[in-house]
C-alpha atoms as a PDB file:
ATOM      1  CA  UNK A   1      -8.517 -21.647  -6.775  1.00  0.00           C
ATOM      2  CA  UNK A   2     -10.490 -22.961  -3.804  1.00  0.00           C
ATOM      3  CA  UNK A   3     -12.176 -21.957  -0.558  1.00  0.00           C
ATOM      4  CA  UNK A   4     -10.056 -22.779   2.501  1.00  0.00           C
ATOM      5  CA  UNK A   5     -12.012 -21.186   5.354  1.00  0.00           C
ATOM      6  CA  UNK A   6     -15.412 -19.612   5.811  1.00  0.00           C
ATOM      7  CA  UNK A   7     -16.525 -16.943   8.276  1.00  0.00           C
ATOM      8  CA  UNK A   8     -19.839 -15.039   8.366  1.00  0.00           C
ATOM      9  CA  UNK A   9     -18.528 -12.090   6.342  1.00  0.00           C
ATOM     10  CA  UNK A  10     -15.221 -13.334   4.950  1.00  0.00           C
ATOM     11  CA  UNK A  11     -13.859 -16.235   2.943  1.00  0.00           C
ATOM     12  CA  UNK A  12     -10.244 -17.384   2.727  1.00  0.00           C
ATOM     13  CA  UNK A  13      -9.316 -18.256  -0.856  1.00  0.00           C
ATOM     14  CA  UNK A  14      -6.237 -20.238  -1.853  1.00  0.00           C
ATOM     15  CA  UNK A  15      -4.616 -20.197  -5.282  1.00  0.00           C
ATOM     16  CA  UNK A  16      -1.444 -22.296  -5.264  1.00  0.00           C
ATOM     17  CA  UNK A  17       0.870 -20.562  -2.729  1.00  0.00           C
ATOM     18  CA  UNK A  18      -1.346 -17.480  -2.320  1.00  0.00           C
ATOM     19  CA  UNK A  19      -3.994 -17.167   0.398  1.00  0.00           C
ATOM     20  CA  UNK A  20      -6.249 -14.110   0.423  1.00  0.00           C
ATOM     21  CA  UNK A  21      -9.311 -13.139   2.450  1.00  0.00           C
ATOM     22  CA  UNK A  22     -12.332 -11.798   0.589  1.00  0.00           C
ATOM     23  CA  UNK A  23     -14.746  -9.693   2.656  1.00  0.00           C
ATOM     24  CA  UNK A  24     -18.402 -10.125   1.655  1.00  0.00           C
ATOM     25  CA  UNK A  25     -21.330  -8.058   2.929  1.00  0.00           C
ATOM     26  CA  UNK A  26     -24.847  -7.074   1.942  1.00  0.00           C
ATOM     27  CA  UNK A  27     -25.463  -3.379   1.326  1.00  0.00           C
ATOM     28  CA  UNK A  28     -28.782  -2.015   0.070  1.00  0.00           C
ATOM     29  CA  UNK A  29     -29.898  -5.518  -0.957  1.00  0.00           C
ATOM     30  CA  UNK A  30     -26.810  -6.071  -3.116  1.00  0.00           C
ATOM     31  CA  UNK A  31     -23.790  -8.239  -2.384  1.00  0.00           C
ATOM     32  CA  UNK A  32     -20.474  -6.368  -2.048  1.00  0.00           C
ATOM     33  CA  UNK A  33     -16.955  -7.824  -2.021  1.00  0.00           C
ATOM     34  CA  UNK A  34     -13.462  -6.532  -1.503  1.00  0.00           C
ATOM     35  CA  UNK A  35     -10.043  -7.806  -0.561  1.00  0.00           C
ATOM     36  CA  UNK A  36      -9.448  -7.887   3.171  1.00  0.00           C
ATOM     37  CA  UNK A  37      -5.792  -6.873   2.892  1.00  0.00           C
ATOM     38  CA  UNK A  38      -4.970  -3.601   1.198  1.00  0.00           C
ATOM     39  CA  UNK A  39      -1.822  -2.504   3.045  1.00  0.00           C
ATOM     40  CA  UNK A  40       1.342  -4.268   1.992  1.00  0.00           C
ATOM     41  CA  UNK A  41       4.894  -4.109   3.282  1.00  0.00           C
ATOM     42  CA  UNK A  42       7.442  -3.118   0.650  1.00  0.00           C
ATOM     43  CA  UNK A  43      10.028  -5.235   2.468  1.00  0.00           C
ATOM     44  CA  UNK A  44       7.977  -8.453   2.588  1.00  0.00           C
ATOM     45  CA  UNK A  45       8.167 -10.584  -0.577  1.00  0.00           C
ATOM     46  CA  UNK A  46       5.006 -12.472   0.465  1.00  0.00           C
ATOM     47  CA  UNK A  47       3.094  -9.196   0.768  1.00  0.00           C
ATOM     48  CA  UNK A  48       4.359  -8.093  -2.634  1.00  0.00           C
ATOM     49  CA  UNK A  49       3.342 -11.417  -4.214  1.00  0.00           C
ATOM     50  CA  UNK A  50      -0.126 -11.110  -2.671  1.00  0.00           C
ATOM     51  CA  UNK A  51      -0.431  -7.496  -3.845  1.00  0.00           C
ATOM     52  CA  UNK A  52       0.486  -8.471  -7.406  1.00  0.00           C
ATOM     53  CA  UNK A  53      -1.953 -11.403  -7.318  1.00  0.00           C
ATOM     54  CA  UNK A  54      -4.781  -9.204  -5.971  1.00  0.00           C
ATOM     55  CA  UNK A  55      -4.195  -6.597  -8.680  1.00  0.00           C
ATOM     56  CA  UNK A  56      -5.138  -9.161 -11.333  1.00  0.00           C
ATOM     57  CA  UNK A  57      -8.791  -8.528 -12.211  1.00  0.00           C
ATOM     58  CA  UNK A  58      -9.380 -12.159 -13.187  1.00  0.00           C
ATOM     59  CA  UNK A  59      -8.261 -13.273  -9.712  1.00  0.00           C
ATOM     60  CA  UNK A  60     -10.684 -10.800  -8.113  1.00  0.00           C
ATOM     61  CA  UNK A  61     -13.600 -12.033 -10.207  1.00  0.00           C
ATOM     62  CA  UNK A  62     -12.869 -15.704  -9.539  1.00  0.00           C
ATOM     63  CA  UNK A  63     -12.210 -15.192  -5.819  1.00  0.00           C
ATOM     64  CA  UNK A  64     -15.324 -13.104  -5.219  1.00  0.00           C
ATOM     65  CA  UNK A  65     -17.502 -15.528  -7.190  1.00  0.00           C
ATOM     66  CA  UNK A  66     -16.157 -18.395  -5.071  1.00  0.00           C
ATOM     67  CA  UNK A  67     -16.683 -16.430  -1.858  1.00  0.00           C
ATOM     68  CA  UNK A  68     -20.282 -15.530  -2.692  1.00  0.00           C
ATOM     69  CA  UNK A  69     -21.054 -19.100  -3.750  1.00  0.00           C
ATOM     70  CA  UNK A  70     -19.526 -20.517  -0.543  1.00  0.00           C
ATOM     71  CA  UNK A  71     -21.487 -18.155   1.708  1.00  0.00           C
ATOM     72  CA  UNK A  72     -24.682 -18.864  -0.206  1.00  0.00           C
ATOM     73  CA  UNK A  73     -24.189 -22.661   0.005  1.00  0.00           C
ATOM     74  CA  UNK A  74     -23.468 -22.338   3.737  1.00  0.00           C
ATOM     75  CA  UNK A  75     -26.774 -20.503   4.192  1.00  0.00           C
ATOM     76  CA  UNK A  76     -25.121 -17.292   5.403  1.00  0.00           C
ATOM     77  CA  UNK A  77     -26.369 -15.111   2.540  1.00  0.00           C
ATOM     78  CA  UNK A  78     -29.194 -15.684   0.093  1.00  0.00           C
ATOM     79  CA  UNK A  79     -30.527 -14.212  -3.091  1.00  0.00           C
ATOM     80  CA  UNK A  80     -34.274 -13.791  -3.399  1.00  0.00           C
ATOM     81  CA  UNK A  81     -36.214 -14.526  -6.583  1.00  0.00           C
ATOM     82  CA  UNK A  82     -36.302 -10.789  -7.275  1.00  0.00           C
ATOM     83  CA  UNK A  83     -32.470 -10.753  -7.434  1.00  0.00           C
ATOM     84  CA  UNK A  84     -31.996  -8.909  -4.145  1.00  0.00           C
ATOM     85  CA  UNK A  85     -29.482 -10.223  -1.613  1.00  0.00           C
ATOM     86  CA  UNK A  86     -30.052 -10.745   2.108  1.00  0.00           C
ATOM     87  CA  UNK A  87     -28.231 -12.076   5.130  1.00  0.00           C
ATOM     88  CA  UNK A  88     -29.828 -15.403   5.967  1.00  0.00           C
ATOM     89  CA  UNK A  89     -30.948 -14.185   9.394  1.00  0.00           C
ATOM     90  CA  UNK A  90     -32.872 -11.253   7.813  1.00  0.00           C
END
């Protein structure tokens, strides 16, 4: 699994043939993450493969950890010594 693209509040993660966006935001001094895509077409095999991949908890944990790390390394978000999270411009 690796980071493919970085935006201020989203990171594109690739795992073999799967690409999935992870949304990342700071809420009440804590970092929050969720999948960007949550509506899937029943008729699209790519959508169904992505849905199945996203339903795997291990994939969510790895993808969100990578996304947070990438945004932190890029200086977009930061964690203070007290453990609270902030957008870098705050």
